[in-house]
């Protein structure tokens, strides 16, 4: 009885593994692309807002 479902169970595991590997590859490649883009922006002199030295004290967002 258990051997009747071995194909279904095996294919379900295989599809799950492929999906997880695909997501991991996507995250890895996207992280590399984002680091490359950040390095390019910093080379052009554009800095991150979070890297500013003087935070605005008591300033509210303009609407």
PDB file of N, CA and C in Angstrom:
ATOM      1  N   UNK A   1       0.816  -1.194   0.000  1.00  0.00           N
ATOM      2  CA  UNK A   1       0.000   0.000   0.000  1.00  0.00           C
ATOM      3  C   UNK A   1       0.864   1.265   0.000  1.00  0.00           C
ATOM      4  N   UNK A   2       1.936   1.280   0.775  1.00  0.00           N
ATOM      5  CA  UNK A   2       2.775   2.473   0.839  1.00  0.00           C
ATOM      6  C   UNK A   2       3.530   2.695  -0.467  1.00  0.00           C
ATOM      7  N   UNK A   3       3.859   1.649  -1.178  1.00  0.00           N
ATOM      8  CA  UNK A   3       4.601   1.784  -2.428  1.00  0.00           C
ATOM      9  C   UNK A   3       3.752   2.389  -3.536  1.00  0.00           C
ATOM     10  N   UNK A   4       2.437   2.416  -3.362  1.00  0.00           N
ATOM     11  CA  UNK A   4       1.567   3.004  -4.374  1.00  0.00           C
ATOM     12  C   UNK A   4       1.764   4.516  -4.481  1.00  0.00           C
ATOM     13  N   UNK A   5       2.181   5.134  -3.422  1.00  0.00           N
ATOM     14  CA  UNK A   5       2.292   6.584  -3.380  1.00  0.00           C
ATOM     15  C   UNK A   5       3.728   7.088  -3.479  1.00  0.00           C
ATOM     16  N   UNK A   6       4.674   6.191  -3.687  1.00  0.00           N
ATOM     17  CA  UNK A   6       6.084   6.597  -3.674  1.00  0.00           C
ATOM     18  C   UNK A   6       6.401   7.599  -4.799  1.00  0.00           C
ATOM     19  N   UNK A   7       5.773   7.448  -5.952  1.00  0.00           N
ATOM     20  CA  UNK A   7       5.996   8.388  -7.053  1.00  0.00           C
ATOM     21  C   UNK A   7       5.488   9.776  -6.724  1.00  0.00           C
ATOM     22  N   UNK A   8       4.304   9.831  -6.139  1.00  0.00           N
ATOM     23  CA  UNK A   8       3.724  11.117  -5.756  1.00  0.00           C
ATOM     24  C   UNK A   8       4.559  11.802  -4.684  1.00  0.00           C
ATOM     25  N   UNK A   9       4.946  11.056  -3.687  1.00  0.00           N
ATOM     26  CA  UNK A   9       5.730  11.618  -2.586  1.00  0.00           C
ATOM     27  C   UNK A   9       7.103  12.063  -3.085  1.00  0.00           C
ATOM     28  N   UNK A  10       7.738  11.240  -3.904  1.00  0.00           N
ATOM     29  CA  UNK A  10       9.047  11.600  -4.452  1.00  0.00           C
ATOM     30  C   UNK A  10       8.983  12.841  -5.320  1.00  0.00           C
ATOM     31  N   UNK A  11       7.953  12.934  -6.172  1.00  0.00           N
ATOM     32  CA  UNK A  11       7.837  14.115  -7.026  1.00  0.00           C
ATOM     33  C   UNK A  11       7.507  15.361  -6.205  1.00  0.00           C
ATOM     34  N   UNK A  12       6.724  15.216  -5.150  1.00  0.00           N
ATOM     35  CA  UNK A  12       6.421  16.365  -4.289  1.00  0.00           C
ATOM     36  C   UNK A  12       7.687  16.878  -3.608  1.00  0.00           C
ATOM     37  N   UNK A  13       8.505  15.958  -3.111  1.00  0.00           N
ATOM     38  CA  UNK A  13       9.775  16.368  -2.505  1.00  0.00           C
ATOM     39  C   UNK A  13      10.691  17.012  -3.540  1.00  0.00           C
ATOM     40  N   UNK A  14      10.751  16.445  -4.736  1.00  0.00           N
ATOM     41  CA  UNK A  14      11.619  16.989  -5.784  1.00  0.00           C
ATOM     42  C   UNK A  14      11.185  18.398  -6.176  1.00  0.00           C
ATOM     43  N   UNK A  15       9.891  18.603  -6.325  1.00  0.00           N
ATOM     44  CA  UNK A  15       9.393  19.932  -6.677  1.00  0.00           C
ATOM     45  C   UNK A  15       9.685  20.928  -5.555  1.00  0.00           C
ATOM     46  N   UNK A  16       9.524  20.506  -4.325  1.00  0.00           N
ATOM     47  CA  UNK A  16       9.817  21.386  -3.187  1.00  0.00           C
ATOM     48  C   UNK A  16      11.290  21.757  -3.138  1.00  0.00           C
ATOM     49  N   UNK A  17      12.155  20.783  -3.366  1.00  0.00           N
ATOM     50  CA  UNK A  17      13.598  21.049  -3.365  1.00  0.00           C
ATOM     51  C   UNK A  17      13.956  21.997  -4.498  1.00  0.00           C
ATOM     52  N   UNK A  18      13.384  21.777  -5.686  1.00  0.00           N
ATOM     53  CA  UNK A  18      13.657  22.673  -6.811  1.00  0.00           C
ATOM     54  C   UNK A  18      13.183  24.096  -6.513  1.00  0.00           C
ATOM     55  N   UNK A  19      12.030  24.226  -5.892  1.00  0.00           N
ATOM     56  CA  UNK A  19      11.525  25.554  -5.548  1.00  0.00           C
ATOM     57  C   UNK A  19      12.443  26.242  -4.541  1.00  0.00           C
ATOM     58  N   UNK A  20      12.879  25.514  -3.521  1.00  0.00           N
ATOM     59  CA  UNK A  20      13.763  26.104  -2.513  1.00  0.00           C
ATOM     60  C   UNK A  20      15.119  26.479  -3.101  1.00  0.00           C
ATOM     61  N   UNK A  21      15.659  25.635  -3.965  1.00  0.00           N
ATOM     62  CA  UNK A  21      16.936  25.946  -4.618  1.00  0.00           C
ATOM     63  C   UNK A  21      16.773  27.167  -5.521  1.00  0.00           C
ATOM     64  N   UNK A  22      15.649  27.244  -6.226  1.00  0.00           N
ATOM     65  CA  UNK A  22      15.389  28.400  -7.077  1.00  0.00           C
ATOM     66  C   UNK A  22      15.293  29.689  -6.287  1.00  0.00           C
ATOM     67  N   UNK A  23      14.604  29.652  -5.166  1.00  0.00           N
ATOM     68  CA  UNK A  23      14.481  30.846  -4.319  1.00  0.00           C
ATOM     69  C   UNK A  23      15.836  31.237  -3.743  1.00  0.00           C
ATOM     70  N   UNK A  24      16.613  30.258  -3.301  1.00  0.00           N
ATOM     71  CA  UNK A  24      17.943  30.552  -2.751  1.00  0.00           C
ATOM     72  C   UNK A  24      18.845  31.164  -3.822  1.00  0.00           C
ATOM     73  N   UNK A  25      18.788  30.631  -5.043  1.00  0.00           N
ATOM     74  CA  UNK A  25      19.596  31.178  -6.137  1.00  0.00           C
ATOM     75  C   UNK A  25      19.155  32.599  -6.463  1.00  0.00           C
ATOM     76  N   UNK A  26      17.857  32.827  -6.482  1.00  0.00           N
ATOM     77  CA  UNK A  26      17.331  34.152  -6.769  1.00  0.00           C
ATOM     78  C   UNK A  26      17.798  35.151  -5.715  1.00  0.00           C
ATOM     79  N   UNK A  27      17.724  34.791  -4.454  1.00  0.00           N
ATOM     80  CA  UNK A  27      18.163  35.680  -3.373  1.00  0.00           C
ATOM     81  C   UNK A  27      19.656  35.959  -3.495  1.00  0.00           C
ATOM     82  N   UNK A  28      20.445  34.928  -3.763  1.00  0.00           N
ATOM     83  CA  UNK A  28      21.894  35.091  -3.889  1.00  0.00           C
ATOM     84  C   UNK A  28      22.240  36.014  -5.055  1.00  0.00           C
ATOM     85  N   UNK A  29      21.634  35.775  -6.217  1.00  0.00           N
ATOM     86  CA  UNK A  29      21.937  36.594  -7.388  1.00  0.00           C
ATOM     87  C   UNK A  29      21.437  38.028  -7.217  1.00  0.00           C
ATOM     88  N   UNK A  30      20.281  38.199  -6.583  1.00  0.00           N
ATOM     89  CA  UNK A  30      19.763  39.545  -6.359  1.00  0.00           C
ATOM     90  C   UNK A  30      20.637  40.308  -5.369  1.00  0.00           C
ATOM     91  N   UNK A  31      21.143  39.633  -4.358  1.00  0.00           N
ATOM     92  CA  UNK A  31      22.038  40.289  -3.397  1.00  0.00           C
ATOM     93  C   UNK A  31      23.310  40.759  -4.091  1.00  0.00           C
ATOM     94  N   UNK A  32      23.839  39.926  -4.977  1.00  0.00           N
ATOM     95  CA  UNK A  32      25.029  40.340  -5.731  1.00  0.00           C
ATOM     96  C   UNK A  32      24.728  41.551  -6.596  1.00  0.00           C
ATOM     97  N   UNK A  33      23.569  41.566  -7.252  1.00  0.00           N
ATOM     98  CA  UNK A  33      23.197  42.693  -8.106  1.00  0.00           C
ATOM     99  C   UNK A  33      23.005  43.963  -7.282  1.00  0.00           C
ATOM    100  N   UNK A  34      22.391  43.848  -6.111  1.00  0.00           N
ATOM    101  CA  UNK A  34      22.180  45.019  -5.259  1.00  0.00           C
ATOM    102  C   UNK A  34      23.503  45.570  -4.737  1.00  0.00           C
ATOM    103  N   UNK A  35      24.421  44.682  -4.368  1.00  0.00           N
ATOM    104  CA  UNK A  35      25.744  45.133  -3.914  1.00  0.00           C
ATOM    105  C   UNK A  35      26.477  45.838  -5.041  1.00  0.00           C
ATOM    106  N   UNK A  36      26.367  45.301  -6.248  1.00  0.00           N
ATOM    107  CA  UNK A  36      27.011  45.913  -7.407  1.00  0.00           C
ATOM    108  C   UNK A  36      26.409  47.291  -7.678  1.00  0.00           C
ATOM    109  N   UNK A  37      25.089  47.414  -7.593  1.00  0.00           N
ATOM    110  CA  UNK A  37      24.429  48.698  -7.821  1.00  0.00           C
ATOM    111  C   UNK A  37      24.810  49.705  -6.740  1.00  0.00           C
ATOM    112  N   UNK A  38      24.884  49.261  -5.496  1.00  0.00           N
ATOM    113  CA  UNK A  38      25.274  50.144  -4.398  1.00  0.00           C
ATOM    114  C   UNK A  38      26.709  50.623  -4.570  1.00  0.00           C
ATOM    115  N   UNK A  39      27.587  49.717  -4.968  1.00  0.00           N
ATOM    116  CA  UNK A  39      28.982  50.092  -5.193  1.00  0.00           C
ATOM    117  C   UNK A  39      29.084  51.111  -6.326  1.00  0.00           C
ATOM    118  N   UNK A  40      28.270  50.942  -7.375  1.00  0.00           N
ATOM    119  CA  UNK A  40      28.267  51.876  -8.492  1.00  0.00           C
ATOM    120  C   UNK A  40      27.777  53.251  -8.046  1.00  0.00           C
ATOM    121  N   UNK A  41      26.715  53.281  -7.254  1.00  0.00           N
ATOM    122  CA  UNK A  41      26.201  54.562  -6.767  1.00  0.00           C
ATOM    123  C   UNK A  41      27.210  55.260  -5.865  1.00  0.00           C
ATOM    124  N   UNK A  42      27.856  54.510  -4.987  1.00  0.00           N
ATOM    125  CA  UNK A  42      28.853  55.110  -4.105  1.00  0.00           C
ATOM    126  C   UNK A  42      30.061  55.602  -4.891  1.00  0.00           C
ATOM    127  N   UNK A  43      30.414  54.919  -5.981  1.00  0.00           N
ATOM    128  CA  UNK A  43      31.528  55.365  -6.818  1.00  0.00           C
ATOM    129  C   UNK A  43      31.187  56.676  -7.519  1.00  0.00           C
ATOM    130  N   UNK A  44      29.896  56.891  -7.810  1.00  0.00           N
ATOM    131  CA  UNK A  44      29.473  58.133  -8.450  1.00  0.00           C
ATOM    132  C   UNK A  44      29.242  59.252  -7.444  1.00  0.00           C
ATOM    133  N   UNK A  45      29.422  58.973  -6.173  1.00  0.00           N
ATOM    134  CA  UNK A  45      29.299  60.003  -5.157  1.00  0.00           C
ATOM    135  C   UNK A  45      27.932  60.093  -4.515  1.00  0.00           C
ATOM    136  N   UNK A  46      27.051  59.187  -4.853  1.00  0.00           N
ATOM    137  CA  UNK A  46      25.716  59.188  -4.258  1.00  0.00           C
ATOM    138  C   UNK A  46      25.770  58.351  -2.994  1.00  0.00           C
ATOM    139  N   UNK A  47      25.398  58.951  -1.874  1.00  0.00           N
ATOM    140  CA  UNK A  47      25.489  58.265  -0.584  1.00  0.00           C
ATOM    141  C   UNK A  47      24.105  57.842  -0.107  1.00  0.00           C
ATOM    142  N   UNK A  48      24.091  56.878   0.783  1.00  0.00           N
ATOM    143  CA  UNK A  48      22.837  56.422   1.380  1.00  0.00           C
ATOM    144  C   UNK A  48      22.352  57.435   2.399  1.00  0.00           C
ATOM    145  N   UNK A  49      21.046  57.569   2.518  1.00  0.00           N
ATOM    146  CA  UNK A  49      20.484  58.490   3.505  1.00  0.00           C
ATOM    147  C   UNK A  49      20.797  58.030   4.917  1.00  0.00           C
ATOM    148  N   UNK A  50      20.881  56.724   5.121  1.00  0.00           N
ATOM    149  CA  UNK A  50      21.156  56.211   6.461  1.00  0.00           C
ATOM    150  C   UNK A  50      22.595  56.473   6.880  1.00  0.00           C
ATOM    151  N   UNK A  51      23.451  56.862   5.949  1.00  0.00           N
ATOM    152  CA  UNK A  51      24.851  57.125   6.259  1.00  0.00           C
ATOM    153  C   UNK A  51      25.096  58.599   6.570  1.00  0.00           C
ATOM    154  N   UNK A  52      24.034  59.408   6.636  1.00  0.00           N
ATOM    155  CA  UNK A  52      24.230  60.832   6.914  1.00  0.00           C
ATOM    156  C   UNK A  52      24.729  61.014   8.344  1.00  0.00           C
ATOM    157  N   UNK A  53      25.566  62.031   8.542  1.00  0.00           N
ATOM    158  CA  UNK A  53      26.197  62.220   9.847  1.00  0.00           C
ATOM    159  C   UNK A  53      25.329  63.010  10.803  1.00  0.00           C
ATOM    160  N   UNK A  54      24.528  63.937  10.299  1.00  0.00           N
ATOM    161  CA  UNK A  54      23.721  64.787  11.171  1.00  0.00           C
ATOM    162  C   UNK A  54      22.243  64.478  10.958  1.00  0.00           C
ATOM    163  N   UNK A  55      21.638  63.729  11.865  1.00  0.00           N
ATOM    164  CA  UNK A  55      20.207  63.455  11.709  1.00  0.00           C
ATOM    165  C   UNK A  55      19.385  64.703  11.997  1.00  0.00           C
ATOM    166  N   UNK A  56      18.283  64.829  11.312  1.00  0.00           N
ATOM    167  CA  UNK A  56      17.406  65.985  11.520  1.00  0.00           C
ATOM    168  C   UNK A  56      16.761  65.870  12.887  1.00  0.00           C
ATOM    169  N   UNK A  57      16.965  66.878  13.714  1.00  0.00           N
ATOM    170  CA  UNK A  57      16.416  66.834  15.074  1.00  0.00           C
ATOM    171  C   UNK A  57      15.063  67.529  15.094  1.00  0.00           C
ATOM    172  N   UNK A  58      14.032  66.782  15.411  1.00  0.00           N
ATOM    173  CA  UNK A  58      12.697  67.337  15.543  1.00  0.00           C
ATOM    174  C   UNK A  58      12.040  67.721  14.233  1.00  0.00           C
ATOM    175  N   UNK A  59      12.625  67.384  13.135  1.00  0.00           N
ATOM    176  CA  UNK A  59      12.038  67.731  11.845  1.00  0.00           C
ATOM    177  C   UNK A  59      10.939  66.735  11.506  1.00  0.00           C
ATOM    178  N   UNK A  60       9.811  67.276  11.067  1.00  0.00           N
ATOM    179  CA  UNK A  60       8.702  66.420  10.677  1.00  0.00           C
ATOM    180  C   UNK A  60       8.676  66.301   9.162  1.00  0.00           C
ATOM    181  N   UNK A  61       8.051  65.262   8.697  1.00  0.00           N
ATOM    182  CA  UNK A  61       7.940  65.060   7.257  1.00  0.00           C
ATOM    183  C   UNK A  61       7.027  66.123   6.661  1.00  0.00           C
ATOM    184  N   UNK A  62       7.412  66.667   5.532  1.00  0.00           N
ATOM    185  CA  UNK A  62       6.619  67.675   4.840  1.00  0.00           C
ATOM    186  C   UNK A  62       5.513  66.979   4.071  1.00  0.00           C
ATOM    187  N   UNK A  63       4.308  67.484   4.198  1.00  0.00           N
ATOM    188  CA  UNK A  63       3.173  66.872   3.488  1.00  0.00           C
ATOM    189  C   UNK A  63       2.769  67.703   2.325  1.00  0.00           C
TER     190      UNK A  63
END
